[in-house]
Amino acid sequence: MAKMKVDIVDGPIDLGKPGKPKYRTVHKDGKVVKLRVVDADSPNFGAEFLASFKASVRKAREENRAIKAKD
């Protein structure tokens, strides 16, 4: 049986800083969509994934505010 090492961490985990975001442009339903690309083999994957998630949430909130302002 393989042995596993478990580290107990007290406090937040430091993910490091994400690198410069990379984007890919795709066409969906006749619209041009800009996608943020995250490399799964990156040593800073956690930080890049978190930055990508935050950017997606920020964009969704801006769109929701714009819809609410129209009403």
PDB file of N, CA and C in Angstrom:
ATOM      1  N   MET A   1       0.843  -1.166   0.000  1.00  0.00           N
ATOM      2  CA  MET A   1       0.000   0.000   0.000  1.00  0.00           C
ATOM      3  C   MET A   1       0.898   1.243   0.000  1.00  0.00           C
ATOM      4  N   ALA A   2       0.523   2.228  -0.768  1.00  0.00           N
ATOM      5  CA  ALA A   2       1.286   3.474  -0.859  1.00  0.00           C
ATOM      6  C   ALA A   2       1.040   4.319   0.378  1.00  0.00           C
ATOM      7  N   LYS A   3       2.103   4.971   0.830  1.00  0.00           N
ATOM      8  CA  LYS A   3       1.973   5.856   1.987  1.00  0.00           C
ATOM      9  C   LYS A   3       1.637   7.252   1.496  1.00  0.00           C
ATOM     10  N   MET A   4       0.826   7.935   2.289  1.00  0.00           N
ATOM     11  CA  MET A   4       0.434   9.301   1.948  1.00  0.00           C
ATOM     12  C   MET A   4       0.956  10.237   3.021  1.00  0.00           C
ATOM     13  N   LYS A   5       1.361  11.425   2.591  1.00  0.00           N
ATOM     14  CA  LYS A   5       1.819  12.437   3.530  1.00  0.00           C
ATOM     15  C   LYS A   5       0.723  13.485   3.663  1.00  0.00           C
ATOM     16  N   VAL A   6       0.356  13.800   4.871  1.00  0.00           N
ATOM     17  CA  VAL A   6      -0.683  14.785   5.130  1.00  0.00           C
ATOM     18  C   VAL A   6      -0.063  15.937   5.906  1.00  0.00           C
ATOM     19  N   ASP A   7      -0.224  17.150   5.397  1.00  0.00           N
ATOM     20  CA  ASP A   7       0.248  18.345   6.086  1.00  0.00           C
ATOM     21  C   ASP A   7      -0.954  19.097   6.620  1.00  0.00           C
ATOM     22  N   ILE A   8      -0.925  19.430   7.891  1.00  0.00           N
ATOM     23  CA  ILE A   8      -1.993  20.211   8.498  1.00  0.00           C
ATOM     24  C   ILE A   8      -1.581  21.675   8.423  1.00  0.00           C
ATOM     25  N   VAL A   9      -2.431  22.483   7.822  1.00  0.00           N
ATOM     26  CA  VAL A   9      -2.130  23.891   7.603  1.00  0.00           C
ATOM     27  C   VAL A   9      -3.033  24.719   8.494  1.00  0.00           C
ATOM     28  N   ASP A  10      -2.420  25.615   9.247  1.00  0.00           N
ATOM     29  CA  ASP A  10      -3.188  26.504  10.104  1.00  0.00           C
ATOM     30  C   ASP A  10      -3.223  27.874   9.434  1.00  0.00           C
ATOM     31  N   GLY A  11      -4.361  28.249   8.897  1.00  0.00           N
ATOM     32  CA  GLY A  11      -4.494  29.539   8.222  1.00  0.00           C
ATOM     33  C   GLY A  11      -4.647  29.357   6.724  1.00  0.00           C
ATOM     34  N   PRO A  12      -4.695  30.473   6.003  1.00  0.00           N
ATOM     35  CA  PRO A  12      -4.897  30.395   4.544  1.00  0.00           C
ATOM     36  C   PRO A  12      -3.664  29.852   3.828  1.00  0.00           C
ATOM     37  N   ILE A  13      -3.891  29.205   2.702  1.00  0.00           N
ATOM     38  CA  ILE A  13      -2.811  28.663   1.892  1.00  0.00           C
ATOM     39  C   ILE A  13      -2.387  29.731   0.893  1.00  0.00           C
ATOM     40  N   ASP A  14      -1.075  29.962   0.782  1.00  0.00           N
ATOM     41  CA  ASP A  14      -0.552  30.942  -0.164  1.00  0.00           C
ATOM     42  C   ASP A  14      -0.471  30.293  -1.544  1.00  0.00           C
ATOM     43  N   LEU A  15      -1.292  30.759  -2.480  1.00  0.00           N
ATOM     44  CA  LEU A  15      -1.317  30.200  -3.828  1.00  0.00           C
ATOM     45  C   LEU A  15      -0.280  30.840  -4.733  1.00  0.00           C
ATOM     46  N   GLY A  16       0.325  31.918  -4.309  1.00  0.00           N
ATOM     47  CA  GLY A  16       1.253  32.638  -5.170  1.00  0.00           C
ATOM     48  C   GLY A  16       0.510  33.631  -6.036  1.00  0.00           C
ATOM     49  N   LYS A  17       1.241  34.218  -6.962  1.00  0.00           N
ATOM     50  CA  LYS A  17       0.638  35.192  -7.868  1.00  0.00           C
ATOM     51  C   LYS A  17       0.402  34.542  -9.218  1.00  0.00           C
ATOM     52  N   PRO A  18      -0.746  34.819  -9.826  1.00  0.00           N
ATOM     53  CA  PRO A  18      -0.994  34.264 -11.159  1.00  0.00           C
ATOM     54  C   PRO A  18      -0.134  34.970 -12.195  1.00  0.00           C
ATOM     55  N   GLY A  19       0.180  34.257 -13.257  1.00  0.00           N
ATOM     56  CA  GLY A  19       0.912  34.859 -14.357  1.00  0.00           C
ATOM     57  C   GLY A  19      -0.004  35.733 -15.192  1.00  0.00           C
ATOM     58  N   LYS A  20       0.552  36.304 -16.246  1.00  0.00           N
ATOM     59  CA  LYS A  20      -0.237  37.139 -17.141  1.00  0.00           C
ATOM     60  C   LYS A  20      -1.306  36.268 -17.798  1.00  0.00           C
ATOM     61  N   PRO A  21      -2.563  36.712 -17.786  1.00  0.00           N
ATOM     62  CA  PRO A  21      -3.633  35.875 -18.360  1.00  0.00           C
ATOM     63  C   PRO A  21      -3.462  35.669 -19.862  1.00  0.00           C
ATOM     64  N   LYS A  22      -3.830  34.475 -20.310  1.00  0.00           N
ATOM     65  CA  LYS A  22      -3.796  34.136 -21.732  1.00  0.00           C
ATOM     66  C   LYS A  22      -5.232  33.979 -22.193  1.00  0.00           C
ATOM     67  N   TYR A  23      -5.516  34.461 -23.379  1.00  0.00           N
ATOM     68  CA  TYR A  23      -6.881  34.427 -23.889  1.00  0.00           C
ATOM     69  C   TYR A  23      -6.944  33.685 -25.219  1.00  0.00           C
ATOM     70  N   ARG A  24      -8.099  33.133 -25.498  1.00  0.00           N
ATOM     71  CA  ARG A  24      -8.387  32.478 -26.764  1.00  0.00           C
ATOM     72  C   ARG A  24      -9.732  33.006 -27.245  1.00  0.00           C
ATOM     73  N   THR A  25      -9.829  33.281 -28.520  1.00  0.00           N
ATOM     74  CA  THR A  25     -11.064  33.805 -29.088  1.00  0.00           C
ATOM     75  C   THR A  25     -11.788  32.696 -29.844  1.00  0.00           C
ATOM     76  N   VAL A  26     -13.070  32.540 -29.550  1.00  0.00           N
ATOM     77  CA  VAL A  26     -13.888  31.534 -30.238  1.00  0.00           C
ATOM     78  C   VAL A  26     -15.155  32.198 -30.755  1.00  0.00           C
ATOM     79  N   HIS A  27     -15.790  31.540 -31.709  1.00  0.00           N
ATOM     80  CA  HIS A  27     -17.047  32.026 -32.263  1.00  0.00           C
ATOM     81  C   HIS A  27     -18.170  31.112 -31.789  1.00  0.00           C
ATOM     82  N   LYS A  28     -19.161  31.700 -31.116  1.00  0.00           N
ATOM     83  CA  LYS A  28     -20.284  30.919 -30.589  1.00  0.00           C
ATOM     84  C   LYS A  28     -21.575  31.617 -30.987  1.00  0.00           C
ATOM     85  N   ASP A  29     -22.405  30.912 -31.699  1.00  0.00           N
ATOM     86  CA  ASP A  29     -23.708  31.433 -32.131  1.00  0.00           C
ATOM     87  C   ASP A  29     -23.575  32.767 -32.878  1.00  0.00           C
ATOM     88  N   GLY A  30     -22.541  32.892 -33.688  1.00  0.00           N
ATOM     89  CA  GLY A  30     -22.339  34.107 -34.455  1.00  0.00           C
ATOM     90  C   GLY A  30     -21.697  35.238 -33.677  1.00  0.00           C
ATOM     91  N   LYS A  31     -21.357  35.022 -32.420  1.00  0.00           N
ATOM     92  CA  LYS A  31     -20.723  36.041 -31.595  1.00  0.00           C
ATOM     93  C   LYS A  31     -19.274  35.652 -31.329  1.00  0.00           C
ATOM     94  N   VAL A  32     -18.428  36.645 -31.184  1.00  0.00           N
ATOM     95  CA  VAL A  32     -17.032  36.408 -30.835  1.00  0.00           C
ATOM     96  C   VAL A  32     -16.931  36.438 -29.310  1.00  0.00           C
ATOM     97  N   VAL A  33     -16.378  35.383 -28.739  1.00  0.00           N
ATOM     98  CA  VAL A  33     -16.268  35.260 -27.288  1.00  0.00           C
ATOM     99  C   VAL A  33     -14.796  35.112 -26.922  1.00  0.00           C
ATOM    100  N   LYS A  34     -14.357  35.876 -25.935  1.00  0.00           N
ATOM    101  CA  LYS A  34     -12.974  35.831 -25.477  1.00  0.00           C
ATOM    102  C   LYS A  34     -12.912  34.952 -24.222  1.00  0.00           C
ATOM    103  N   LEU A  35     -12.138  33.863 -24.288  1.00  0.00           N
ATOM    104  CA  LEU A  35     -12.030  32.930 -23.169  1.00  0.00           C
ATOM    105  C   LEU A  35     -10.666  33.045 -22.506  1.00  0.00           C
ATOM    106  N   ARG A  36     -10.650  32.991 -21.205  1.00  0.00           N
ATOM    107  CA  ARG A  36      -9.390  32.988 -20.463  1.00  0.00           C
ATOM    108  C   ARG A  36      -8.923  31.546 -20.348  1.00  0.00           C
ATOM    109  N   VAL A  37      -7.677  31.271 -20.720  1.00  0.00           N
ATOM    110  CA  VAL A  37      -7.131  29.919 -20.743  1.00  0.00           C
ATOM    111  C   VAL A  37      -6.282  29.690 -19.496  1.00  0.00           C
ATOM    112  N   VAL A  38      -6.483  28.556 -18.829  1.00  0.00           N
ATOM    113  CA  VAL A  38      -5.707  28.178 -17.652  1.00  0.00           C
ATOM    114  C   VAL A  38      -4.967  26.886 -17.967  1.00  0.00           C
ATOM    115  N   ASP A  39      -3.664  26.871 -17.734  1.00  0.00           N
ATOM    116  CA  ASP A  39      -2.838  25.698 -17.993  1.00  0.00           C
ATOM    117  C   ASP A  39      -2.855  24.789 -16.770  1.00  0.00           C
ATOM    118  N   ALA A  40      -3.344  23.568 -16.925  1.00  0.00           N
ATOM    119  CA  ALA A  40      -3.458  22.635 -15.797  1.00  0.00           C
ATOM    120  C   ALA A  40      -2.100  22.164 -15.298  1.00  0.00           C
ATOM    121  N   ASP A  41      -1.062  22.249 -16.139  1.00  0.00           N
ATOM    122  CA  ASP A  41       0.275  21.805 -15.736  1.00  0.00           C
ATOM    123  C   ASP A  41       1.124  22.931 -15.168  1.00  0.00           C
ATOM    124  N   SER A  42       0.552  24.097 -15.007  1.00  0.00           N
ATOM    125  CA  SER A  42       1.284  25.246 -14.504  1.00  0.00           C
ATOM    126  C   SER A  42       1.596  25.069 -13.013  1.00  0.00           C
ATOM    127  N   PRO A  43       2.776  25.510 -12.577  1.00  0.00           N
ATOM    128  CA  PRO A  43       3.075  25.434 -11.135  1.00  0.00           C
ATOM    129  C   PRO A  43       2.194  26.366 -10.305  1.00  0.00           C
ATOM    130  N   ASN A  44       1.618  27.387 -10.932  1.00  0.00           N
ATOM    131  CA  ASN A  44       0.725  28.329 -10.243  1.00  0.00           C
ATOM    132  C   ASN A  44      -0.724  28.086 -10.624  1.00  0.00           C
ATOM    133  N   PHE A  45      -1.089  26.835 -10.860  1.00  0.00           N
ATOM    134  CA  PHE A  45      -2.447  26.527 -11.328  1.00  0.00           C
ATOM    135  C   PHE A  45      -3.505  27.063 -10.376  1.00  0.00           C
ATOM    136  N   GLY A  46      -3.321  26.879  -9.092  1.00  0.00           N
ATOM    137  CA  GLY A  46      -4.318  27.336  -8.122  1.00  0.00           C
ATOM    138  C   GLY A  46      -4.548  28.823  -8.200  1.00  0.00           C
ATOM    139  N   ALA A  47      -3.471  29.595  -8.296  1.00  0.00           N
ATOM    140  CA  ALA A  47      -3.593  31.049  -8.371  1.00  0.00           C
ATOM    141  C   ALA A  47      -4.228  31.479  -9.692  1.00  0.00           C
ATOM    142  N   GLU A  48      -3.848  30.821 -10.794  1.00  0.00           N
ATOM    143  CA  GLU A  48      -4.416  31.171 -12.091  1.00  0.00           C
ATOM    144  C   GLU A  48      -5.896  30.802 -12.173  1.00  0.00           C
ATOM    145  N   PHE A  49      -6.260  29.654 -11.612  1.00  0.00           N
ATOM    146  CA  PHE A  49      -7.663  29.233 -11.614  1.00  0.00           C
ATOM    147  C   PHE A  49      -8.512  30.192 -10.787  1.00  0.00           C
ATOM    148  N   LEU A  50      -7.994  30.578  -9.626  1.00  0.00           N
ATOM    149  CA  LEU A  50      -8.713  31.514  -8.770  1.00  0.00           C
ATOM    150  C   LEU A  50      -8.874  32.870  -9.460  1.00  0.00           C
ATOM    151  N   ALA A  51      -7.829  33.352 -10.127  1.00  0.00           N
ATOM    152  CA  ALA A  51      -7.909  34.632 -10.836  1.00  0.00           C
ATOM    153  C   ALA A  51      -8.922  34.554 -11.977  1.00  0.00           C
ATOM    154  N   SER A  52      -8.954  33.435 -12.672  1.00  0.00           N
ATOM    155  CA  SER A  52      -9.910  33.246 -13.753  1.00  0.00           C
ATOM    156  C   SER A  52     -11.342  33.231 -13.216  1.00  0.00           C
ATOM    157  N   PHE A  53     -11.544  32.540 -12.108  1.00  0.00           N
ATOM    158  CA  PHE A  53     -12.869  32.477 -11.485  1.00  0.00           C
ATOM    159  C   PHE A  53     -13.326  33.868 -11.045  1.00  0.00           C
ATOM    160  N   LYS A  54     -12.424  34.621 -10.414  1.00  0.00           N
ATOM    161  CA  LYS A  54     -12.770  35.969  -9.968  1.00  0.00           C
ATOM    162  C   LYS A  54     -13.125  36.868 -11.148  1.00  0.00           C
ATOM    163  N   ALA A  55     -12.385  36.723 -12.260  1.00  0.00           N
ATOM    164  CA  ALA A  55     -12.677  37.525 -13.446  1.00  0.00           C
ATOM    165  C   ALA A  55     -14.056  37.176 -14.006  1.00  0.00           C
ATOM    166  N   SER A  56     -14.406  35.896 -13.987  1.00  0.00           N
ATOM    167  CA  SER A  56     -15.720  35.474 -14.487  1.00  0.00           C
ATOM    168  C   SER A  56     -16.844  36.023 -13.612  1.00  0.00           C
ATOM    169  N   VAL A  57     -16.650  35.972 -12.310  1.00  0.00           N
ATOM    170  CA  VAL A  57     -17.660  36.495 -11.382  1.00  0.00           C
ATOM    171  C   VAL A  57     -17.808  38.001 -11.552  1.00  0.00           C
ATOM    172  N   ARG A  58     -16.678  38.697 -11.691  1.00  0.00           N
ATOM    173  CA  ARG A  58     -16.711  40.152 -11.874  1.00  0.00           C
ATOM    174  C   ARG A  58     -17.489  40.519 -13.144  1.00  0.00           C
ATOM    175  N   LYS A  59     -17.238  39.789 -14.231  1.00  0.00           N
ATOM    176  CA  LYS A  59     -17.934  40.065 -15.493  1.00  0.00           C
ATOM    177  C   LYS A  59     -19.431  39.786 -15.366  1.00  0.00           C
ATOM    178  N   ALA A  60     -19.800  38.680 -14.703  1.00  0.00           N
ATOM    179  CA  ALA A  60     -21.214  38.340 -14.525  1.00  0.00           C
ATOM    180  C   ALA A  60     -21.929  39.397 -13.690  1.00  0.00           C
ATOM    181  N   ARG A  61     -21.267  39.895 -12.659  1.00  0.00           N
ATOM    182  CA  ARG A  61     -21.886  40.935 -11.829  1.00  0.00           C
ATOM    183  C   ARG A  61     -22.076  42.226 -12.602  1.00  0.00           C
ATOM    184  N   GLU A  62     -21.091  42.575 -13.438  1.00  0.00           N
ATOM    185  CA  GLU A  62     -21.227  43.782 -14.259  1.00  0.00           C
ATOM    186  C   GLU A  62     -22.406  43.648 -15.226  1.00  0.00           C
ATOM    187  N   GLU A  63     -22.547  42.465 -15.838  1.00  0.00           N
ATOM    188  CA  GLU A  63     -23.662  42.238 -16.751  1.00  0.00           C
ATOM    189  C   GLU A  63     -24.992  42.306 -16.017  1.00  0.00           C
ATOM    190  N   ASN A  64     -25.060  41.760 -14.818  1.00  0.00           N
ATOM    191  CA  ASN A  64     -26.300  41.805 -14.036  1.00  0.00           C
ATOM    192  C   ASN A  64     -26.656  43.233 -13.640  1.00  0.00           C
ATOM    193  N   ARG A  65     -25.649  44.028 -13.287  1.00  0.00           N
ATOM    194  CA  ARG A  65     -25.911  45.431 -12.946  1.00  0.00           C
ATOM    195  C   ARG A  65     -26.426  46.196 -14.157  1.00  0.00           C
ATOM    196  N   ALA A  66     -25.870  45.891 -15.340  1.00  0.00           N
ATOM    197  CA  ALA A  66     -26.318  46.563 -16.568  1.00  0.00           C
ATOM    198  C   ALA A  66     -27.767  46.211 -16.879  1.00  0.00           C
ATOM    199  N   ILE A  67     -28.145  44.967 -16.662  1.00  0.00           N
ATOM    200  CA  ILE A  67     -29.535  44.544 -16.895  1.00  0.00           C
ATOM    201  C   ILE A  67     -30.456  45.233 -15.897  1.00  0.00           C
ATOM    202  N   LYS A  68     -30.020  45.301 -14.651  1.00  0.00           N
ATOM    203  CA  LYS A  68     -30.839  45.929 -13.610  1.00  0.00           C
ATOM    204  C   LYS A  68     -31.005  47.424 -13.881  1.00  0.00           C
ATOM    205  N   ALA A  69     -29.981  48.067 -14.417  1.00  0.00           N
ATOM    206  CA  ALA A  69     -30.048  49.508 -14.701  1.00  0.00           C
ATOM    207  C   ALA A  69     -31.022  49.806 -15.835  1.00  0.00           C
ATOM    208  N   LYS A  70     -31.190  48.872 -16.770  1.00  0.00           N
ATOM    209  CA  LYS A  70     -32.120  49.072 -17.884  1.00  0.00           C
ATOM    210  C   LYS A  70     -33.570  49.045 -17.418  1.00  0.00           C
ATOM    211  N   ASP A  71     -33.861  48.299 -16.371  1.00  0.00           N
ATOM    212  CA  ASP A  71     -35.251  48.148 -15.888  1.00  0.00           C
ATOM    213  C   ASP A  71     -35.737  49.365 -15.185  1.00  0.00           C
TER     214      ASP A  71
END
